[in-house]
Amino acid sequence: MAGEREHIREIEEVLSGVRSARDDIVVQSWLRCIGTHQLDPARPTEA
C-alpha cells in the first residue's frame, strides 16, 4: 500500500510541474491517461 501512495504522489508531482527521474515516455503516458482518458491516479479502476 505504501508503494501505491508513493506512486500516486510521484504522478501528482509530475502534474504540478516537478521533473521526474522516469523516462519521458512514462511521464507522457501518465499525462495522456489523466488528460485524454480522464483517469484519476488516486482512484484505481479495473482495466
PDB file of N, CA and C in Angstrom:
ATOM      1  N   MET A   1       0.818  -1.199   0.000  1.00  0.00           N
ATOM      2  CA  MET A   1       0.000   0.000   0.000  1.00  0.00           C
ATOM      3  C   MET A   1       0.862   1.264   0.000  1.00  0.00           C
ATOM      4  N   ALA A   2       1.952   1.242   0.744  1.00  0.00           N
ATOM      5  CA  ALA A   2       2.827   2.416   0.774  1.00  0.00           C
ATOM      6  C   ALA A   2       3.408   2.685  -0.609  1.00  0.00           C
ATOM      7  N   GLY A   3       3.712   1.618  -1.353  1.00  0.00           N
ATOM      8  CA  GLY A   3       4.232   1.783  -2.703  1.00  0.00           C
ATOM      9  C   GLY A   3       3.239   2.468  -3.620  1.00  0.00           C
ATOM     10  N   GLU A   4       1.958   2.140  -3.457  1.00  0.00           N
ATOM     11  CA  GLU A   4       0.918   2.793  -4.260  1.00  0.00           C
ATOM     12  C   GLU A   4       0.838   4.278  -3.935  1.00  0.00           C
ATOM     13  N   ARG A   5       0.892   4.605  -2.659  1.00  0.00           N
ATOM     14  CA  ARG A   5       0.819   6.025  -2.255  1.00  0.00           C
ATOM     15  C   ARG A   5       1.995   6.817  -2.807  1.00  0.00           C
ATOM     16  N   GLU A   6       3.187   6.214  -2.765  1.00  0.00           N
ATOM     17  CA  GLU A   6       4.370   6.885  -3.313  1.00  0.00           C
ATOM     18  C   GLU A   6       4.228   7.094  -4.816  1.00  0.00           C
ATOM     19  N   HIS A   7       3.668   6.111  -5.496  1.00  0.00           N
ATOM     20  CA  HIS A   7       3.473   6.213  -6.945  1.00  0.00           C
ATOM     21  C   HIS A   7       2.469   7.326  -7.270  1.00  0.00           C
ATOM     22  N   ILE A   8       1.375   7.372  -6.539  1.00  0.00           N
ATOM     23  CA  ILE A   8       0.373   8.422  -6.740  1.00  0.00           C
ATOM     24  C   ILE A   8       0.988   9.785  -6.483  1.00  0.00           C
ATOM     25  N   ARG A   9       1.775   9.904  -5.411  1.00  0.00           N
ATOM     26  CA  ARG A   9       2.425  11.178  -5.100  1.00  0.00           C
ATOM     27  C   ARG A   9       3.372  11.597  -6.226  1.00  0.00           C
ATOM     28  N   GLU A  10       4.100  10.637  -6.787  1.00  0.00           N
ATOM     29  CA  GLU A  10       5.008  10.946  -7.895  1.00  0.00           C
ATOM     30  C   GLU A  10       4.241  11.464  -9.111  1.00  0.00           C
ATOM     31  N   ILE A  11       3.124  10.835  -9.441  1.00  0.00           N
ATOM     32  CA  ILE A  11       2.309  11.290 -10.562  1.00  0.00           C
ATOM     33  C   ILE A  11       1.765  12.691 -10.279  1.00  0.00           C
ATOM     34  N   GLU A  12       1.287  12.928  -9.074  1.00  0.00           N
ATOM     35  CA  GLU A  12       0.766  14.253  -8.718  1.00  0.00           C
ATOM     36  C   GLU A  12       1.858  15.317  -8.811  1.00  0.00           C
ATOM     37  N   GLU A  13       3.081  14.974  -8.425  1.00  0.00           N
ATOM     38  CA  GLU A  13       4.195  15.918  -8.547  1.00  0.00           C
ATOM     39  C   GLU A  13       4.457  16.261 -10.009  1.00  0.00           C
ATOM     40  N   VAL A  14       4.430  15.246 -10.872  1.00  0.00           N
ATOM     41  CA  VAL A  14       4.625  15.478 -12.305  1.00  0.00           C
ATOM     42  C   VAL A  14       3.543  16.421 -12.828  1.00  0.00           C
ATOM     43  N   LEU A  15       2.298  16.226 -12.388  1.00  0.00           N
ATOM     44  CA  LEU A  15       1.199  17.078 -12.818  1.00  0.00           C
ATOM     45  C   LEU A  15       1.394  18.523 -12.380  1.00  0.00           C
ATOM     46  N   SER A  16       2.080  18.711 -11.264  1.00  0.00           N
ATOM     47  CA  SER A  16       2.297  20.073 -10.773  1.00  0.00           C
ATOM     48  C   SER A  16       3.578  20.695 -11.333  1.00  0.00           C
ATOM     49  N   GLY A  17       4.265  19.955 -12.224  1.00  0.00           N
ATOM     50  CA  GLY A  17       5.422  20.519 -12.899  1.00  0.00           C
ATOM     51  C   GLY A  17       6.771  20.052 -12.398  1.00  0.00           C
ATOM     52  N   VAL A  18       6.800  19.173 -11.418  1.00  0.00           N
ATOM     53  CA  VAL A  18       8.067  18.646 -10.908  1.00  0.00           C
ATOM     54  C   VAL A  18       8.631  17.660 -11.920  1.00  0.00           C
ATOM     55  N   ARG A  19       9.903  17.773 -12.202  1.00  0.00           N
ATOM     56  CA  ARG A  19      10.578  16.882 -13.151  1.00  0.00           C
ATOM     57  C   ARG A  19      10.764  15.512 -12.517  1.00  0.00           C
ATOM     58  N   SER A  20      10.452  14.469 -13.244  1.00  0.00           N
ATOM     59  CA  SER A  20      10.567  13.101 -12.767  1.00  0.00           C
ATOM     60  C   SER A  20      11.844  12.463 -13.297  1.00  0.00           C
ATOM     61  N   ALA A  21      12.360  11.515 -12.546  1.00  0.00           N
ATOM     62  CA  ALA A  21      13.523  10.758 -12.998  1.00  0.00           C
ATOM     63  C   ALA A  21      13.110   9.642 -13.965  1.00  0.00           C
ATOM     64  N   ARG A  22      11.800   9.469 -14.128  1.00  0.00           N
ATOM     65  CA  ARG A  22      11.288   8.434 -15.042  1.00  0.00           C
ATOM     66  C   ARG A  22      11.572   8.829 -16.491  1.00  0.00           C
ATOM     67  N   ASP A  23      11.596   7.842 -17.362  1.00  0.00           N
ATOM     68  CA  ASP A  23      11.753   8.114 -18.794  1.00  0.00           C
ATOM     69  C   ASP A  23      10.601   8.988 -19.270  1.00  0.00           C
ATOM     70  N   ASP A  24      10.877   9.838 -20.238  1.00  0.00           N
ATOM     71  CA  ASP A  24       9.849  10.734 -20.777  1.00  0.00           C
ATOM     72  C   ASP A  24       8.640   9.974 -21.304  1.00  0.00           C
ATOM     73  N   ILE A  25       8.845   8.800 -21.872  1.00  0.00           N
ATOM     74  CA  ILE A  25       7.729   8.038 -22.417  1.00  0.00           C
ATOM     75  C   ILE A  25       6.749   7.630 -21.301  1.00  0.00           C
ATOM     76  N   VAL A  26       7.265   7.363 -20.109  1.00  0.00           N
ATOM     77  CA  VAL A  26       6.411   7.016 -18.967  1.00  0.00           C
ATOM     78  C   VAL A  26       5.618   8.241 -18.522  1.00  0.00           C
ATOM     79  N   VAL A  27       6.304   9.361 -18.407  1.00  0.00           N
ATOM     80  CA  VAL A  27       5.637  10.601 -17.992  1.00  0.00           C
ATOM     81  C   VAL A  27       4.558  10.986 -19.001  1.00  0.00           C
ATOM     82  N   GLN A  28       4.862  10.870 -20.291  1.00  0.00           N
ATOM     83  CA  GLN A  28       3.869  11.181 -21.321  1.00  0.00           C
ATOM     84  C   GLN A  28       2.661  10.252 -21.219  1.00  0.00           C
ATOM     85  N   SER A  29       2.897   9.002 -20.885  1.00  0.00           N
ATOM     86  CA  SER A  29       1.802   8.052 -20.701  1.00  0.00           C
ATOM     87  C   SER A  29       0.921   8.468 -19.533  1.00  0.00           C
ATOM     88  N   TRP A  30       1.523   8.869 -18.423  1.00  0.00           N
ATOM     89  CA  TRP A  30       0.747   9.341 -17.268  1.00  0.00           C
ATOM     90  C   TRP A  30      -0.113  10.532 -17.663  1.00  0.00           C
ATOM     91  N   LEU A  31       0.506  11.490 -18.345  1.00  0.00           N
ATOM     92  CA  LEU A  31      -0.229  12.698 -18.736  1.00  0.00           C
ATOM     93  C   LEU A  31      -1.375  12.367 -19.687  1.00  0.00           C
ATOM     94  N   ARG A  32      -1.143  11.430 -20.599  1.00  0.00           N
ATOM     95  CA  ARG A  32      -2.189  11.007 -21.532  1.00  0.00           C
ATOM     96  C   ARG A  32      -3.327  10.297 -20.780  1.00  0.00           C
ATOM     97  N   CYS A  33      -2.986   9.447 -19.846  1.00  0.00           N
ATOM     98  CA  CYS A  33      -4.010   8.727 -19.076  1.00  0.00           C
ATOM     99  C   CYS A  33      -4.897   9.697 -18.301  1.00  0.00           C
ATOM    100  N   ILE A  34      -4.289  10.729 -17.758  1.00  0.00           N
ATOM    101  CA  ILE A  34      -5.047  11.701 -16.970  1.00  0.00           C
ATOM    102  C   ILE A  34      -5.789  12.679 -17.873  1.00  0.00           C
ATOM    103  N   GLY A  35      -5.093  13.215 -18.868  1.00  0.00           N
ATOM    104  CA  GLY A  35      -5.695  14.234 -19.717  1.00  0.00           C
ATOM    105  C   GLY A  35      -6.698  13.698 -20.726  1.00  0.00           C
ATOM    106  N   THR A  36      -6.309  12.683 -21.450  1.00  0.00           N
ATOM    107  CA  THR A  36      -7.150  12.151 -22.517  1.00  0.00           C
ATOM    108  C   THR A  36      -8.205  11.182 -22.009  1.00  0.00           C
ATOM    109  N   HIS A  37      -7.797  10.311 -21.112  1.00  0.00           N
ATOM    110  CA  HIS A  37      -8.688   9.241 -20.668  1.00  0.00           C
ATOM    111  C   HIS A  37      -9.378   9.546 -19.345  1.00  0.00           C
ATOM    112  N   GLN A  38      -9.067  10.714 -18.753  1.00  0.00           N
ATOM    113  CA  GLN A  38      -9.705  11.172 -17.516  1.00  0.00           C
ATOM    114  C   GLN A  38      -9.549  10.188 -16.353  1.00  0.00           C
ATOM    115  N   LEU A  39      -8.407   9.495 -16.300  1.00  0.00           N
ATOM    116  CA  LEU A  39      -8.149   8.584 -15.193  1.00  0.00           C
ATOM    117  C   LEU A  39      -7.622   9.368 -14.000  1.00  0.00           C
ATOM    118  N   ASP A  40      -7.952   8.926 -12.816  1.00  0.00           N
ATOM    119  CA  ASP A  40      -7.509   9.559 -11.579  1.00  0.00           C
ATOM    120  C   ASP A  40      -6.557   8.592 -10.883  1.00  0.00           C
ATOM    121  N   PRO A  41      -5.276   8.966 -10.718  1.00  0.00           N
ATOM    122  CA  PRO A  41      -4.312   8.040 -10.118  1.00  0.00           C
ATOM    123  C   PRO A  41      -4.676   7.646  -8.680  1.00  0.00           C
ATOM    124  N   ALA A  42      -5.471   8.444  -8.014  1.00  0.00           N
ATOM    125  CA  ALA A  42      -5.856   8.145  -6.636  1.00  0.00           C
ATOM    126  C   ALA A  42      -7.084   7.224  -6.558  1.00  0.00           C
ATOM    127  N   ARG A  43      -7.717   6.956  -7.708  1.00  0.00           N
ATOM    128  CA  ARG A  43      -8.905   6.100  -7.730  1.00  0.00           C
ATOM    129  C   ARG A  43      -8.693   4.958  -8.718  1.00  0.00           C
ATOM    130  N   PRO A  44      -8.112   3.863  -8.244  1.00  0.00           N
ATOM    131  CA  PRO A  44      -7.857   2.734  -9.154  1.00  0.00           C
ATOM    132  C   PRO A  44      -9.154   2.139  -9.700  1.00  0.00           C
ATOM    133  N   THR A  45      -9.114   1.794 -10.974  1.00  0.00           N
ATOM    134  CA  THR A  45     -10.253   1.153 -11.621  1.00  0.00           C
ATOM    135  C   THR A  45      -9.745  -0.047 -12.398  1.00  0.00           C
ATOM    136  N   GLU A  46     -10.636  -0.957 -12.687  1.00  0.00           N
ATOM    137  CA  GLU A  46     -10.247  -2.114 -13.473  1.00  0.00           C
ATOM    138  C   GLU A  46     -10.027  -1.716 -14.921  1.00  0.00           C
ATOM    139  N   ALA A  47      -9.162  -2.461 -15.582  1.00  0.00           N
ATOM    140  CA  ALA A  47      -8.897  -2.183 -16.994  1.00  0.00           C
ATOM    141  C   ALA A  47     -10.099  -2.518 -17.835  1.00  0.00           C
TER     142      ALA A  47
END
